PDB file of N, CA and C in Angstrom:
ATOM      1  N   MET A   1       8.211   3.751  23.306  1.00  0.00           N
ATOM      2  CA  MET A   1       6.879   3.189  23.150  1.00  0.00           C
ATOM      3  C   MET A   1       7.008   1.726  22.720  1.00  0.00           C
ATOM      4  N   GLU A   2       6.244   0.885  23.350  1.00  0.00           N
ATOM      5  CA  GLU A   2       6.243  -0.543  23.048  1.00  0.00           C
ATOM      6  C   GLU A   2       5.556  -0.794  21.708  1.00  0.00           C
ATOM      7  N   ASN A   3       6.062  -1.741  20.954  1.00  0.00           N
ATOM      8  CA  ASN A   3       5.497  -2.068  19.650  1.00  0.00           C
ATOM      9  C   ASN A   3       4.366  -3.084  19.776  1.00  0.00           C
ATOM     10  N   THR A   4       3.230  -2.636  20.300  1.00  0.00           N
ATOM     11  CA  THR A   4       2.037  -3.474  20.320  1.00  0.00           C
ATOM     12  C   THR A   4       1.327  -3.309  18.980  1.00  0.00           C
ATOM     13  N   LYS A   5       0.413  -4.213  18.676  1.00  0.00           N
ATOM     14  CA  LYS A   5      -0.360  -4.071  17.435  1.00  0.00           C
ATOM     15  C   LYS A   5      -1.069  -2.727  17.391  1.00  0.00           C
ATOM     16  N   GLU A   6      -1.603  -2.320  18.539  1.00  0.00           N
ATOM     17  CA  GLU A   6      -2.346  -1.067  18.605  1.00  0.00           C
ATOM     18  C   GLU A   6      -1.436   0.129  18.344  1.00  0.00           C
ATOM     19  N   ASN A   7      -0.245   0.138  18.939  1.00  0.00           N
ATOM     20  CA  ASN A   7       0.686   1.249  18.727  1.00  0.00           C
ATOM     21  C   ASN A   7       1.185   1.298  17.291  1.00  0.00           C
ATOM     22  N   ILE A   8       1.458   0.139  16.718  1.00  0.00           N
ATOM     23  CA  ILE A   8       1.881   0.080  15.319  1.00  0.00           C
ATOM     24  C   ILE A   8       0.762   0.615  14.430  1.00  0.00           C
ATOM     25  N   SER A   9      -0.454   0.185  14.696  1.00  0.00           N
ATOM     26  CA  SER A   9      -1.609   0.619  13.923  1.00  0.00           C
ATOM     27  C   SER A   9      -1.814   2.129  14.035  1.00  0.00           C
ATOM     28  N   GLN A  10      -1.683   2.681  15.245  1.00  0.00           N
ATOM     29  CA  GLN A  10      -1.838   4.123  15.438  1.00  0.00           C
ATOM     30  C   GLN A  10      -0.777   4.898  14.671  1.00  0.00           C
ATOM     31  N   THR A  11       0.465   4.432  14.731  1.00  0.00           N
ATOM     32  CA  THR A  11       1.555   5.087  14.016  1.00  0.00           C
ATOM     33  C   THR A  11       1.301   5.064  12.513  1.00  0.00           C
ATOM     34  N   LEU A  12       0.898   3.904  11.992  1.00  0.00           N
ATOM     35  CA  LEU A  12       0.626   3.786  10.560  1.00  0.00           C
ATOM     36  C   LEU A  12      -0.580   4.615  10.137  1.00  0.00           C
ATOM     37  N   THR A  13      -1.614   4.641  10.960  1.00  0.00           N
ATOM     38  CA  THR A  13      -2.800   5.444  10.649  1.00  0.00           C
ATOM     39  C   THR A  13      -2.429   6.915  10.547  1.00  0.00           C
ATOM     40  N   GLY A  14      -1.634   7.396  11.487  1.00  0.00           N
ATOM     41  CA  GLY A  14      -1.178   8.789  11.446  1.00  0.00           C
ATOM     42  C   GLY A  14      -0.376   9.075  10.190  1.00  0.00           C
ATOM     43  N   PHE A  15       0.514   8.159   9.822  1.00  0.00           N
ATOM     44  CA  PHE A  15       1.321   8.330   8.611  1.00  0.00           C
ATOM     45  C   PHE A  15       0.440   8.398   7.368  1.00  0.00           C
ATOM     46  N   VAL A  16      -0.498   7.461   7.254  1.00  0.00           N
ATOM     47  CA  VAL A  16      -1.374   7.428   6.082  1.00  0.00           C
ATOM     48  C   VAL A  16      -2.218   8.697   6.007  1.00  0.00           C
ATOM     49  N   LYS A  17      -2.765   9.136   7.137  1.00  0.00           N
ATOM     50  CA  LYS A  17      -3.605  10.332   7.147  1.00  0.00           C
ATOM     51  C   LYS A  17      -2.828  11.589   6.750  1.00  0.00           C
ATOM     52  N   THR A  18      -1.600  11.711   7.221  1.00  0.00           N
ATOM     53  CA  THR A  18      -0.848  12.941   6.977  1.00  0.00           C
ATOM     54  C   THR A  18      -0.011  12.916   5.700  1.00  0.00           C
ATOM     55  N   THR A  19       0.329  11.739   5.211  1.00  0.00           N
ATOM     56  CA  THR A  19       1.254  11.652   4.088  1.00  0.00           C
ATOM     57  C   THR A  19       0.623  11.118   2.805  1.00  0.00           C
ATOM     58  N   ILE A  20      -0.322  10.215   2.942  1.00  0.00           N
ATOM     59  CA  ILE A  20      -0.846   9.506   1.769  1.00  0.00           C
ATOM     60  C   ILE A  20      -2.189  10.061   1.286  1.00  0.00           C
ATOM     61  N   LEU A  21      -3.119  10.229   2.201  1.00  0.00           N
ATOM     62  CA  LEU A  21      -4.487  10.577   1.816  1.00  0.00           C
ATOM     63  C   LEU A  21      -4.690  12.079   1.626  1.00  0.00           C
ATOM     64  N   ALA A  22      -5.664  12.403   0.783  1.00  0.00           N
ATOM     65  CA  ALA A  22      -6.060  13.797   0.621  1.00  0.00           C
ATOM     66  C   ALA A  22      -6.731  14.260   1.911  1.00  0.00           C
ATOM     67  N   GLN A  23      -6.586  15.536   2.189  1.00  0.00           N
ATOM     68  CA  GLN A  23      -7.177  16.089   3.400  1.00  0.00           C
ATOM     69  C   GLN A  23      -8.697  15.908   3.369  1.00  0.00           C
ATOM     70  N   GLY A  24      -9.253  15.515   4.499  1.00  0.00           N
ATOM     71  CA  GLY A  24     -10.693  15.361   4.618  1.00  0.00           C
ATOM     72  C   GLY A  24     -11.214  13.961   4.318  1.00  0.00           C
ATOM     73  N   VAL A  25     -10.356  13.061   3.859  1.00  0.00           N
ATOM     74  CA  VAL A  25     -10.792  11.683   3.602  1.00  0.00           C
ATOM     75  C   VAL A  25     -11.022  10.995   4.940  1.00  0.00           C
ATOM     76  N   VAL A  26     -12.198  10.406   5.096  1.00  0.00           N
ATOM     77  CA  VAL A  26     -12.513   9.685   6.324  1.00  0.00           C
ATOM     78  C   VAL A  26     -11.714   8.381   6.318  1.00  0.00           C
ATOM     79  N   PHE A  27     -10.966   8.159   7.400  1.00  0.00           N
ATOM     80  CA  PHE A  27     -10.075   7.001   7.426  1.00  0.00           C
ATOM     81  C   PHE A  27      -9.909   6.500   8.838  1.00  0.00           C
ATOM     82  N   GLU A  28      -9.992   5.175   8.981  1.00  0.00           N
ATOM     83  CA  GLU A  28      -9.725   4.500  10.244  1.00  0.00           C
ATOM     84  C   GLU A  28      -8.758   3.360   9.953  1.00  0.00           C
ATOM     85  N   SER A  29      -8.173   2.816  10.985  1.00  0.00           N
ATOM     86  CA  SER A  29      -7.188   1.748  10.791  1.00  0.00           C
ATOM     87  C   SER A  29      -7.782   0.519  10.120  1.00  0.00           C
ATOM     88  N   SER A  30      -9.086   0.333  10.233  1.00  0.00           N
ATOM     89  CA  SER A  30      -9.733  -0.829   9.607  1.00  0.00           C
ATOM     90  C   SER A  30     -10.235  -0.535   8.193  1.00  0.00           C
ATOM     91  N   SER A  31     -10.091   0.710   7.736  1.00  0.00           N
ATOM     92  CA  SER A  31     -10.564   1.080   6.398  1.00  0.00           C
ATOM     93  C   SER A  31      -9.799   0.325   5.321  1.00  0.00           C
ATOM     94  N   ASN A  32     -10.515  -0.087   4.284  1.00  0.00           N
ATOM     95  CA  ASN A  32      -9.881  -0.740   3.145  1.00  0.00           C
ATOM     96  C   ASN A  32      -9.057   0.312   2.408  1.00  0.00           C
ATOM     97  N   LEU A  33      -7.768   0.076   2.282  1.00  0.00           N
ATOM     98  CA  LEU A  33      -6.871   1.068   1.683  1.00  0.00           C
ATOM     99  C   LEU A  33      -7.262   1.402   0.247  1.00  0.00           C
ATOM    100  N   ALA A  34      -7.567   0.410  -0.560  1.00  0.00           N
ATOM    101  CA  ALA A  34      -7.919   0.651  -1.959  1.00  0.00           C
ATOM    102  C   ALA A  34      -9.179   1.508  -2.073  1.00  0.00           C
ATOM    103  N   LYS A  35     -10.132   1.277  -1.193  1.00  0.00           N
ATOM    104  CA  LYS A  35     -11.392   2.023  -1.249  1.00  0.00           C
ATOM    105  C   LYS A  35     -11.241   3.472  -0.778  1.00  0.00           C
ATOM    106  N   THR A  36     -10.139   3.782  -0.110  1.00  0.00           N
ATOM    107  CA  THR A  36      -9.904   5.163   0.324  1.00  0.00           C
ATOM    108  C   THR A  36      -8.978   5.902  -0.635  1.00  0.00           C
ATOM    109  N   GLY A  37      -8.624   5.241  -1.745  1.00  0.00           N
ATOM    110  CA  GLY A  37      -7.816   5.898  -2.760  1.00  0.00           C
ATOM    111  C   GLY A  37      -6.325   5.625  -2.678  1.00  0.00           C
ATOM    112  N   VAL A  38      -5.923   4.684  -1.847  1.00  0.00           N
ATOM    113  CA  VAL A  38      -4.505   4.347  -1.730  1.00  0.00           C
ATOM    114  C   VAL A  38      -4.138   3.429  -2.901  1.00  0.00           C
ATOM    115  N   ASP A  39      -3.171   3.868  -3.718  1.00  0.00           N
ATOM    116  CA  ASP A  39      -2.755   3.068  -4.868  1.00  0.00           C
ATOM    117  C   ASP A  39      -1.498   2.261  -4.546  1.00  0.00           C
ATOM    118  N   SER A  40      -1.028   1.504  -5.521  1.00  0.00           N
ATOM    119  CA  SER A  40       0.117   0.608  -5.285  1.00  0.00           C
ATOM    120  C   SER A  40       1.388   1.381  -4.934  1.00  0.00           C
ATOM    121  N   TYR A  41       1.566   2.555  -5.503  1.00  0.00           N
ATOM    122  CA  TYR A  41       2.745   3.363  -5.165  1.00  0.00           C
ATOM    123  C   TYR A  41       2.696   3.804  -3.701  1.00  0.00           C
ATOM    124  N   SER A  42       1.514   4.136  -3.249  1.00  0.00           N
ATOM    125  CA  SER A  42       1.346   4.541  -1.847  1.00  0.00           C
ATOM    126  C   SER A  42       1.579   3.373  -0.901  1.00  0.00           C
ATOM    127  N   VAL A  43       1.188   2.173  -1.319  1.00  0.00           N
ATOM    128  CA  VAL A  43       1.439   0.982  -0.505  1.00  0.00           C
ATOM    129  C   VAL A  43       2.944   0.784  -0.353  1.00  0.00           C
ATOM    130  N   ILE A  44       3.697   0.992  -1.426  1.00  0.00           N
ATOM    131  CA  ILE A  44       5.154   0.892  -1.350  1.00  0.00           C
ATOM    132  C   ILE A  44       5.698   1.930  -0.380  1.00  0.00           C
ATOM    133  N   GLU A  45       5.153   3.129  -0.419  1.00  0.00           N
ATOM    134  CA  GLU A  45       5.567   4.183   0.512  1.00  0.00           C
ATOM    135  C   GLU A  45       5.289   3.773   1.962  1.00  0.00           C
ATOM    136  N   ILE A  46       4.150   3.156   2.204  1.00  0.00           N
ATOM    137  CA  ILE A  46       3.808   2.677   3.545  1.00  0.00           C
ATOM    138  C   ILE A  46       4.795   1.590   3.984  1.00  0.00           C
ATOM    139  N   ILE A  47       5.106   0.672   3.078  1.00  0.00           N
ATOM    140  CA  ILE A  47       6.050  -0.405   3.398  1.00  0.00           C
ATOM    141  C   ILE A  47       7.431   0.166   3.735  1.00  0.00           C
ATOM    142  N   LEU A  48       7.884   1.137   2.965  1.00  0.00           N
ATOM    143  CA  LEU A  48       9.177   1.768   3.243  1.00  0.00           C
ATOM    144  C   LEU A  48       9.156   2.480   4.596  1.00  0.00           C
ATOM    145  N   PHE A  49       8.039   3.122   4.923  1.00  0.00           N
ATOM    146  CA  PHE A  49       7.881   3.766   6.227  1.00  0.00           C
ATOM    147  C   PHE A  49       7.984   2.732   7.340  1.00  0.00           C
ATOM    148  N   VAL A  50       7.309   1.604   7.169  1.00  0.00           N
ATOM    149  CA  VAL A  50       7.348   0.523   8.164  1.00  0.00           C
ATOM    150  C   VAL A  50       8.780   0.070   8.389  1.00  0.00           C
ATOM    151  N   GLU A  51       9.500  -0.131   7.302  1.00  0.00           N
ATOM    152  CA  GLU A  51      10.874  -0.612   7.418  1.00  0.00           C
ATOM    153  C   GLU A  51      11.763   0.382   8.155  1.00  0.00           C
ATOM    154  N   ARG A  52      11.586   1.670   7.871  1.00  0.00           N
ATOM    155  CA  ARG A  52      12.382   2.699   8.563  1.00  0.00           C
ATOM    156  C   ARG A  52      11.929   2.867  10.010  1.00  0.00           C
ATOM    157  N   GLN A  53      10.648   2.921  10.236  1.00  0.00           N
ATOM    158  CA  GLN A  53      10.098   3.213  11.555  1.00  0.00           C
ATOM    159  C   GLN A  53      10.294   2.077  12.553  1.00  0.00           C
ATOM    160  N   PHE A  54      10.116   0.842  12.084  1.00  0.00           N
ATOM    161  CA  PHE A  54      10.120  -0.298  12.993  1.00  0.00           C
ATOM    162  C   PHE A  54      11.337  -1.208  12.825  1.00  0.00           C
ATOM    163  N   GLY A  55      12.181  -0.908  11.845  1.00  0.00           N
ATOM    164  CA  GLY A  55      13.401  -1.690  11.660  1.00  0.00           C
ATOM    165  C   GLY A  55      13.151  -3.132  11.268  1.00  0.00           C
ATOM    166  N   VAL A  56      12.100  -3.354  10.526  1.00  0.00           N
ATOM    167  CA  VAL A  56      11.754  -4.707  10.092  1.00  0.00           C
ATOM    168  C   VAL A  56      11.555  -4.695   8.576  1.00  0.00           C
ATOM    169  N   THR A  57      12.057  -5.713   7.926  1.00  0.00           N
ATOM    170  CA  THR A  57      11.859  -5.865   6.486  1.00  0.00           C
ATOM    171  C   THR A  57      10.704  -6.822   6.266  1.00  0.00           C
ATOM    172  N   ILE A  58       9.767  -6.403   5.442  1.00  0.00           N
ATOM    173  CA  ILE A  58       8.640  -7.273   5.116  1.00  0.00           C
ATOM    174  C   ILE A  58       9.048  -8.114   3.917  1.00  0.00           C
ATOM    175  N   PRO A  59       9.199  -9.428   4.116  1.00  0.00           N
ATOM    176  CA  PRO A  59       9.629 -10.286   3.006  1.00  0.00           C
ATOM    177  C   PRO A  59       8.566 -10.353   1.910  1.00  0.00           C
ATOM    178  N   ASP A  60       9.014 -10.635   0.694  1.00  0.00           N
ATOM    179  CA  ASP A  60       8.100 -10.735  -0.446  1.00  0.00           C
ATOM    180  C   ASP A  60       6.952 -11.699  -0.185  1.00  0.00           C
ATOM    181  N   THR A  61       7.208 -12.758   0.552  1.00  0.00           N
ATOM    182  CA  THR A  61       6.167 -13.752   0.824  1.00  0.00           C
ATOM    183  C   THR A  61       5.022 -13.188   1.658  1.00  0.00           C
ATOM    184  N   HIS A  62       5.274 -12.058   2.341  1.00  0.00           N
ATOM    185  CA  HIS A  62       4.244 -11.425   3.161  1.00  0.00           C
ATOM    186  C   HIS A  62       3.526 -10.287   2.424  1.00  0.00           C
ATOM    187  N   LEU A  63       3.995  -9.963   1.226  1.00  0.00           N
ATOM    188  CA  LEU A  63       3.392  -8.875   0.451  1.00  0.00           C
ATOM    189  C   LEU A  63       2.215  -9.400  -0.363  1.00  0.00           C
ATOM    190  N   ILE A  64       1.175  -9.778   0.362  1.00  0.00           N
ATOM    191  CA  ILE A  64      -0.036 -10.314  -0.246  1.00  0.00           C
ATOM    192  C   ILE A  64      -1.215  -9.432   0.155  1.00  0.00           C
ATOM    193  N   ALA A  65      -2.268  -9.492  -0.632  1.00  0.00           N
ATOM    194  CA  ALA A  65      -3.436  -8.633  -0.406  1.00  0.00           C
ATOM    195  C   ALA A  65      -3.962  -8.735   1.026  1.00  0.00           C
ATOM    196  N   GLU A  66      -3.990  -9.928   1.554  1.00  0.00           N
ATOM    197  CA  GLU A  66      -4.501 -10.148   2.912  1.00  0.00           C
ATOM    198  C   GLU A  66      -3.741  -9.318   3.955  1.00  0.00           C
ATOM    199  N   ASN A  67      -2.438  -9.127   3.755  1.00  0.00           N
ATOM    200  CA  ASN A  67      -1.617  -8.365   4.698  1.00  0.00           C
ATOM    201  C   ASN A  67      -1.579  -6.875   4.391  1.00  0.00           C
ATOM    202  N   LEU A  68      -2.107  -6.467   3.244  1.00  0.00           N
ATOM    203  CA  LEU A  68      -1.965  -5.076   2.818  1.00  0.00           C
ATOM    204  C   LEU A  68      -3.286  -4.357   2.574  1.00  0.00           C
ATOM    205  N   ASN A  69      -4.405  -4.970   2.945  1.00  0.00           N
ATOM    206  CA  ASN A  69      -5.684  -4.350   2.617  1.00  0.00           C
ATOM    207  C   ASN A  69      -6.133  -3.266   3.595  1.00  0.00           C
ATOM    208  N   SER A  70      -5.509  -3.197   4.761  1.00  0.00           N
ATOM    209  CA  SER A  70      -5.841  -2.146   5.736  1.00  0.00           C
ATOM    210  C   SER A  70      -4.631  -1.899   6.629  1.00  0.00           C
ATOM    211  N   VAL A  71      -4.667  -0.786   7.329  1.00  0.00           N
ATOM    212  CA  VAL A  71      -3.600  -0.491   8.281  1.00  0.00           C
ATOM    213  C   VAL A  71      -3.561  -1.559   9.368  1.00  0.00           C
ATOM    214  N   ASP A  72      -4.709  -2.000   9.822  1.00  0.00           N
ATOM    215  CA  ASP A  72      -4.739  -3.053  10.851  1.00  0.00           C
ATOM    216  C   ASP A  72      -4.059  -4.334  10.360  1.00  0.00           C
ATOM    217  N   ALA A  73      -4.284  -4.687   9.087  1.00  0.00           N
ATOM    218  CA  ALA A  73      -3.655  -5.885   8.527  1.00  0.00           C
ATOM    219  C   ALA A  73      -2.140  -5.716   8.446  1.00  0.00           C
ATOM    220  N   ILE A  74      -1.687  -4.539   8.030  1.00  0.00           N
ATOM    221  CA  ILE A  74      -0.252  -4.275   7.965  1.00  0.00           C
ATOM    222  C   ILE A  74       0.345  -4.313   9.365  1.00  0.00           C
ATOM    223  N   ALA A  75      -0.337  -3.689  10.324  1.00  0.00           N
ATOM    224  CA  ALA A  75       0.146  -3.665  11.710  1.00  0.00           C
ATOM    225  C   ALA A  75       0.264  -5.083  12.269  1.00  0.00           C
ATOM    226  N   SER A  76      -0.695  -5.926  11.969  1.00  0.00           N
ATOM    227  CA  SER A  76      -0.659  -7.308  12.439  1.00  0.00           C
ATOM    228  C   SER A  76       0.532  -8.048  11.835  1.00  0.00           C
ATOM    229  N   CYS A  77       0.779  -7.840  10.556  1.00  0.00           N
ATOM    230  CA  CYS A  77       1.922  -8.466   9.887  1.00  0.00           C
ATOM    231  C   CYS A  77       3.232  -7.978  10.487  1.00  0.00           C
ATOM    232  N   VAL A  78       3.349  -6.669  10.699  1.00  0.00           N
ATOM    233  CA  VAL A  78       4.565  -6.092  11.278  1.00  0.00           C
ATOM    234  C   VAL A  78       4.786  -6.613  12.699  1.00  0.00           C
ATOM    235  N   TYR A  79       3.716  -6.653  13.478  1.00  0.00           N
ATOM    236  CA  TYR A  79       3.813  -7.159  14.854  1.00  0.00           C
ATOM    237  C   TYR A  79       4.324  -8.598  14.865  1.00  0.00           C
ATOM    238  N   THR A  80       3.784  -9.422  13.978  1.00  0.00           N
ATOM    239  CA  THR A  80       4.216 -10.816  13.890  1.00  0.00           C
ATOM    240  C   THR A  80       5.694 -10.894  13.515  1.00  0.00           C
ATOM    241  N   LEU A  81       6.112 -10.106  12.537  1.00  0.00           N
ATOM    242  CA  LEU A  81       7.515 -10.120  12.113  1.00  0.00           C
ATOM    243  C   LEU A  81       8.445  -9.643  13.229  1.00  0.00           C
ATOM    244  N   LEU A  82       8.028  -8.628  13.959  1.00  0.00           N
ATOM    245  CA  LEU A  82       8.851  -8.117  15.059  1.00  0.00           C
ATOM    246  C   LEU A  82       9.024  -9.148  16.166  1.00  0.00           C
ATOM    247  N   ASN A  83       8.029  -9.985  16.338  1.00  0.00           N
ATOM    248  CA  ASN A  83       8.065 -10.960  17.428  1.00  0.00           C
ATOM    249  C   ASN A  83       8.573 -12.327  16.997  1.00  0.00           C
ATOM    250  N   THR A  84       9.069 -12.435  15.767  1.00  0.00           N
ATOM    251  CA  THR A  84       9.676 -13.684  15.314  1.00  0.00           C
ATOM    252  C   THR A  84      11.147 -13.498  14.981  1.00  0.00           C
ATOM    253  N   LYS A  85      11.687 -12.340  15.358  1.00  0.00           N
ATOM    254  CA  LYS A  85      13.107 -12.059  15.114  1.00  0.00           C
ATOM    255  C   LYS A  85      13.974 -12.958  15.936  1.00  0.00           C
TER     256      LYS A  85
END
């Protein structure tokens, strides 16, 4: 599967829904993570998943609220990092 923003976002959304969130929580890739109950420990879990799944390390300079507030934002950051290797 090609690593498009959409595919990255779908993969991350599936991970968050099945691993992070309580069952029945309404969630979309554009949902604000904090407002859906995702805490800082869960964000670290998502980052570790990204690193394993996509083989990219997110540098500390990219670990800012703007890049971590939704799955779409994380997917966009990951896509950019993958395409600047």
